[in-house]
N, C-alpha and C. Protein backbone atom coordinates (compact mmCIF):
# COMPACT_ATOMS: atom_id res chain seq x y z
N MET A 1 -1.98 12.39 -44.17
CA MET A 1 -2.61 12.90 -42.99
C MET A 1 -3.67 11.85 -42.49
N ASN A 2 -3.78 11.83 -41.20
CA ASN A 2 -4.73 10.86 -40.66
C ASN A 2 -6.16 11.45 -40.75
N ARG A 3 -7.10 10.62 -40.51
CA ARG A 3 -8.48 10.96 -40.66
C ARG A 3 -8.95 12.07 -39.69
N PHE A 4 -8.47 12.03 -38.44
CA PHE A 4 -8.80 13.04 -37.44
C PHE A 4 -8.34 14.43 -37.87
N ARG A 5 -7.17 14.49 -38.34
CA ARG A 5 -6.57 15.70 -38.78
C ARG A 5 -7.40 16.33 -39.96
N LYS A 6 -7.77 15.49 -40.90
CA LYS A 6 -8.52 15.91 -42.04
C LYS A 6 -9.88 16.49 -41.60
N THR A 7 -10.53 15.78 -40.61
CA THR A 7 -11.83 16.21 -40.13
C THR A 7 -11.69 17.60 -39.37
N ARG A 8 -10.57 17.73 -38.64
CA ARG A 8 -10.40 19.04 -37.95
C ARG A 8 -10.19 20.13 -38.92
N ILE A 9 -9.42 19.92 -40.02
CA ILE A 9 -9.17 20.95 -41.02
C ILE A 9 -10.49 21.28 -41.69
N LEU A 10 -11.27 20.28 -42.02
CA LEU A 10 -12.55 20.49 -42.70
C LEU A 10 -13.48 21.32 -41.80
N LEU A 11 -13.59 20.97 -40.50
CA LEU A 11 -14.42 21.73 -39.52
C LEU A 11 -13.95 23.11 -39.41
N ALA A 12 -12.58 23.38 -39.32
CA ALA A 12 -12.08 24.71 -39.23
C ALA A 12 -12.40 25.54 -40.47
N ALA A 13 -12.32 24.92 -41.61
CA ALA A 13 -12.63 25.62 -42.92
C ALA A 13 -14.13 25.97 -42.99
N LEU A 14 -15.01 25.09 -42.53
CA LEU A 14 -16.39 25.34 -42.49
C LEU A 14 -16.77 26.43 -41.47
N LEU A 15 -16.13 26.41 -40.32
CA LEU A 15 -16.40 27.46 -39.30
C LEU A 15 -15.92 28.81 -39.81
N TRP A 16 -14.73 28.83 -40.49
CA TRP A 16 -14.26 30.10 -41.07
C TRP A 16 -15.19 30.60 -42.13
N ALA A 17 -15.64 29.73 -43.00
CA ALA A 17 -16.58 30.18 -44.06
C ALA A 17 -17.90 30.66 -43.47
N TRP A 18 -18.41 30.06 -42.43
CA TRP A 18 -19.61 30.51 -41.81
C TRP A 18 -19.37 31.86 -41.13
N ALA A 19 -18.22 32.04 -40.50
CA ALA A 19 -17.90 33.30 -39.80
C ALA A 19 -17.78 34.43 -40.79
N MET A 20 -17.27 34.20 -41.98
CA MET A 20 -17.10 35.21 -42.96
C MET A 20 -18.37 35.57 -43.78
N ASN A 21 -19.42 34.87 -43.47
CA ASN A 21 -20.73 35.14 -44.13
C ASN A 21 -21.29 36.46 -43.62
N PRO A 22 -21.45 37.43 -44.47
CA PRO A 22 -21.96 38.71 -43.87
C PRO A 22 -23.40 38.62 -43.37
N GLY A 23 -24.16 37.68 -43.85
CA GLY A 23 -25.53 37.50 -43.36
C GLY A 23 -25.55 37.07 -41.93
N ALA A 24 -24.58 36.36 -41.46
CA ALA A 24 -24.50 35.88 -40.06
C ALA A 24 -24.15 37.04 -39.13
N LEU A 25 -23.61 38.16 -39.67
CA LEU A 25 -23.16 39.20 -38.77
C LEU A 25 -24.26 40.38 -38.61
N TRP A 26 -25.41 40.17 -39.23
CA TRP A 26 -26.42 41.21 -39.06
C TRP A 26 -26.95 41.18 -37.61
N ALA A 27 -27.26 42.40 -37.19
CA ALA A 27 -27.81 42.54 -35.84
C ALA A 27 -29.28 42.23 -35.80
N CYS A 28 -29.83 42.02 -34.67
CA CYS A 28 -31.22 41.81 -34.50
C CYS A 28 -32.00 43.11 -34.74
N SER A 29 -33.30 43.03 -34.81
CA SER A 29 -34.06 44.18 -35.12
C SER A 29 -34.02 45.23 -34.05
N VAL A 30 -33.74 44.83 -32.80
CA VAL A 30 -33.66 45.82 -31.73
C VAL A 30 -32.43 46.72 -31.88
N CYS A 31 -31.30 46.07 -32.28
CA CYS A 31 -30.07 46.88 -32.41
C CYS A 31 -29.96 47.57 -33.75
N PHE A 32 -30.50 46.99 -34.80
CA PHE A 32 -30.24 47.48 -36.18
C PHE A 32 -31.51 48.07 -36.83
N GLY A 33 -32.63 47.49 -36.57
CA GLY A 33 -33.80 47.83 -37.33
C GLY A 33 -34.68 48.84 -36.63
N ASP A 34 -35.96 48.75 -36.90
CA ASP A 34 -36.99 49.62 -36.35
C ASP A 34 -37.32 49.14 -34.93
N PRO A 35 -37.11 49.97 -33.89
CA PRO A 35 -37.49 49.50 -32.54
C PRO A 35 -38.96 49.35 -32.30
N ASP A 36 -39.76 49.87 -33.20
CA ASP A 36 -41.24 49.77 -32.99
C ASP A 36 -41.86 48.67 -33.85
N SER A 37 -40.99 47.79 -34.46
CA SER A 37 -41.51 46.73 -35.29
C SER A 37 -42.07 45.62 -34.40
N ALA A 38 -42.86 44.76 -35.03
CA ALA A 38 -43.46 43.60 -34.34
C ALA A 38 -42.36 42.68 -33.80
N MET A 39 -41.28 42.52 -34.55
CA MET A 39 -40.22 41.61 -34.10
C MET A 39 -39.55 42.14 -32.87
N SER A 40 -39.34 43.43 -32.79
CA SER A 40 -38.74 44.00 -31.59
C SER A 40 -39.61 43.91 -30.40
N LYS A 41 -40.89 44.12 -30.55
CA LYS A 41 -41.84 44.02 -29.47
C LYS A 41 -41.91 42.54 -28.98
N GLY A 42 -41.95 41.63 -29.93
CA GLY A 42 -41.96 40.20 -29.57
C GLY A 42 -40.73 39.74 -28.83
N LEU A 43 -39.59 40.25 -29.28
CA LEU A 43 -38.30 39.96 -28.56
C LEU A 43 -38.36 40.45 -27.20
N ALA A 44 -38.83 41.70 -26.99
CA ALA A 44 -38.90 42.31 -25.64
C ALA A 44 -39.82 41.46 -24.75
N TRP A 45 -40.96 41.05 -25.28
CA TRP A 45 -41.91 40.26 -24.46
C TRP A 45 -41.33 38.87 -24.16
N GLY A 46 -40.57 38.33 -25.09
CA GLY A 46 -39.89 37.01 -24.86
C GLY A 46 -38.90 37.13 -23.75
N VAL A 47 -38.07 38.20 -23.76
CA VAL A 47 -37.10 38.38 -22.67
C VAL A 47 -37.81 38.56 -21.35
N LEU A 48 -38.85 39.36 -21.33
CA LEU A 48 -39.55 39.59 -20.06
C LEU A 48 -40.21 38.34 -19.52
N SER A 49 -40.79 37.49 -20.42
CA SER A 49 -41.40 36.29 -19.95
C SER A 49 -40.36 35.30 -19.46
N LEU A 50 -39.24 35.19 -20.10
CA LEU A 50 -38.21 34.30 -19.61
C LEU A 50 -37.64 34.82 -18.27
N LEU A 51 -37.49 36.11 -18.15
CA LEU A 51 -37.08 36.67 -16.86
C LEU A 51 -38.08 36.37 -15.75
N GLY A 52 -39.34 36.44 -16.07
CA GLY A 52 -40.40 36.13 -15.13
C GLY A 52 -40.31 34.65 -14.71
N VAL A 53 -40.04 33.71 -15.61
CA VAL A 53 -39.98 32.31 -15.25
C VAL A 53 -38.77 32.05 -14.35
N VAL A 54 -37.63 32.73 -14.63
CA VAL A 54 -36.48 32.54 -13.82
C VAL A 54 -36.73 33.09 -12.44
N LEU A 55 -37.40 34.25 -12.38
CA LEU A 55 -37.66 34.78 -11.00
C LEU A 55 -38.65 33.89 -10.20
N MET A 56 -39.59 33.35 -10.91
CA MET A 56 -40.55 32.47 -10.18
C MET A 56 -39.82 31.18 -9.64
N VAL A 57 -38.94 30.65 -10.46
CA VAL A 57 -38.21 29.42 -9.99
C VAL A 57 -37.30 29.81 -8.87
N LEU A 58 -36.60 30.84 -8.93
CA LEU A 58 -35.70 31.26 -7.84
C LEU A 58 -36.51 31.61 -6.59
N GLY A 59 -37.65 32.23 -6.76
CA GLY A 59 -38.55 32.54 -5.65
C GLY A 59 -39.05 31.24 -4.97
N GLY A 60 -39.33 30.26 -5.82
CA GLY A 60 -39.80 28.97 -5.21
C GLY A 60 -38.73 28.28 -4.42
N ILE A 61 -37.45 28.32 -4.95
CA ILE A 61 -36.36 27.72 -4.25
C ILE A 61 -36.10 28.47 -2.92
N THR A 62 -36.16 29.76 -2.99
CA THR A 62 -35.97 30.59 -1.75
C THR A 62 -37.09 30.27 -0.71
N THR A 63 -38.33 30.18 -1.20
CA THR A 63 -39.42 29.93 -0.30
C THR A 63 -39.30 28.56 0.29
N PHE A 64 -38.82 27.57 -0.42
CA PHE A 64 -38.61 26.20 0.10
C PHE A 64 -37.55 26.23 1.23
N PHE A 65 -36.46 26.95 1.05
CA PHE A 65 -35.41 27.02 2.02
C PHE A 65 -35.81 27.80 3.27
N VAL A 66 -36.60 28.82 3.07
CA VAL A 66 -37.19 29.57 4.22
C VAL A 66 -38.12 28.63 5.03
N TYR A 67 -38.93 27.85 4.28
CA TYR A 67 -39.81 26.88 4.95
C TYR A 67 -39.03 25.84 5.71
N LEU A 68 -37.97 25.35 5.15
CA LEU A 68 -37.14 24.38 5.88
C LEU A 68 -36.46 24.98 7.10
N ALA A 69 -36.02 26.24 7.00
CA ALA A 69 -35.39 26.92 8.16
C ALA A 69 -36.39 27.15 9.25
N LYS A 70 -37.62 27.48 8.93
CA LYS A 70 -38.61 27.69 9.94
C LYS A 70 -39.04 26.38 10.66
N ARG A 71 -39.05 25.29 9.92
CA ARG A 71 -39.48 23.97 10.50
C ARG A 71 -38.34 23.29 11.24
N SER A 72 -37.14 23.73 11.05
CA SER A 72 -35.99 23.00 11.67
C SER A 72 -36.05 23.22 13.18
N PRO A 73 -35.65 22.17 13.95
CA PRO A 73 -35.65 22.36 15.38
C PRO A 73 -34.55 23.35 15.82
N THR A 74 -34.93 24.13 16.77
CA THR A 74 -33.98 25.13 17.30
C THR A 74 -33.45 24.66 18.61
N ASP A 75 -32.19 24.25 18.56
CA ASP A 75 -31.54 23.76 19.80
C ASP A 75 -30.70 24.93 20.32
N LYS A 76 -31.04 25.37 21.56
CA LYS A 76 -30.26 26.48 22.13
C LYS A 76 -29.16 25.92 22.93
N ILE A 77 -27.97 26.42 22.72
CA ILE A 77 -26.78 25.95 23.45
C ILE A 77 -26.68 26.86 24.69
N GLN A 78 -26.55 26.15 25.87
CA GLN A 78 -26.51 26.90 27.12
C GLN A 78 -25.15 26.64 27.84
């Protein structure tokens, strides 16, 4: 076998071994554990803060294009 094929087989075996690890299949604390734990609350705040950042960036992009649309010359076709 060539070297590339051996590497592919080794990677496939490692991926299979990792996927069969039951510890990798545990759910997060929101789905599996106590919903009132500190980890669940931290996860919820993390999601909300990331959502806030995304909304601010999209709002900035929208505001920029509205600004460009208002400053563009309006040529009326007659």
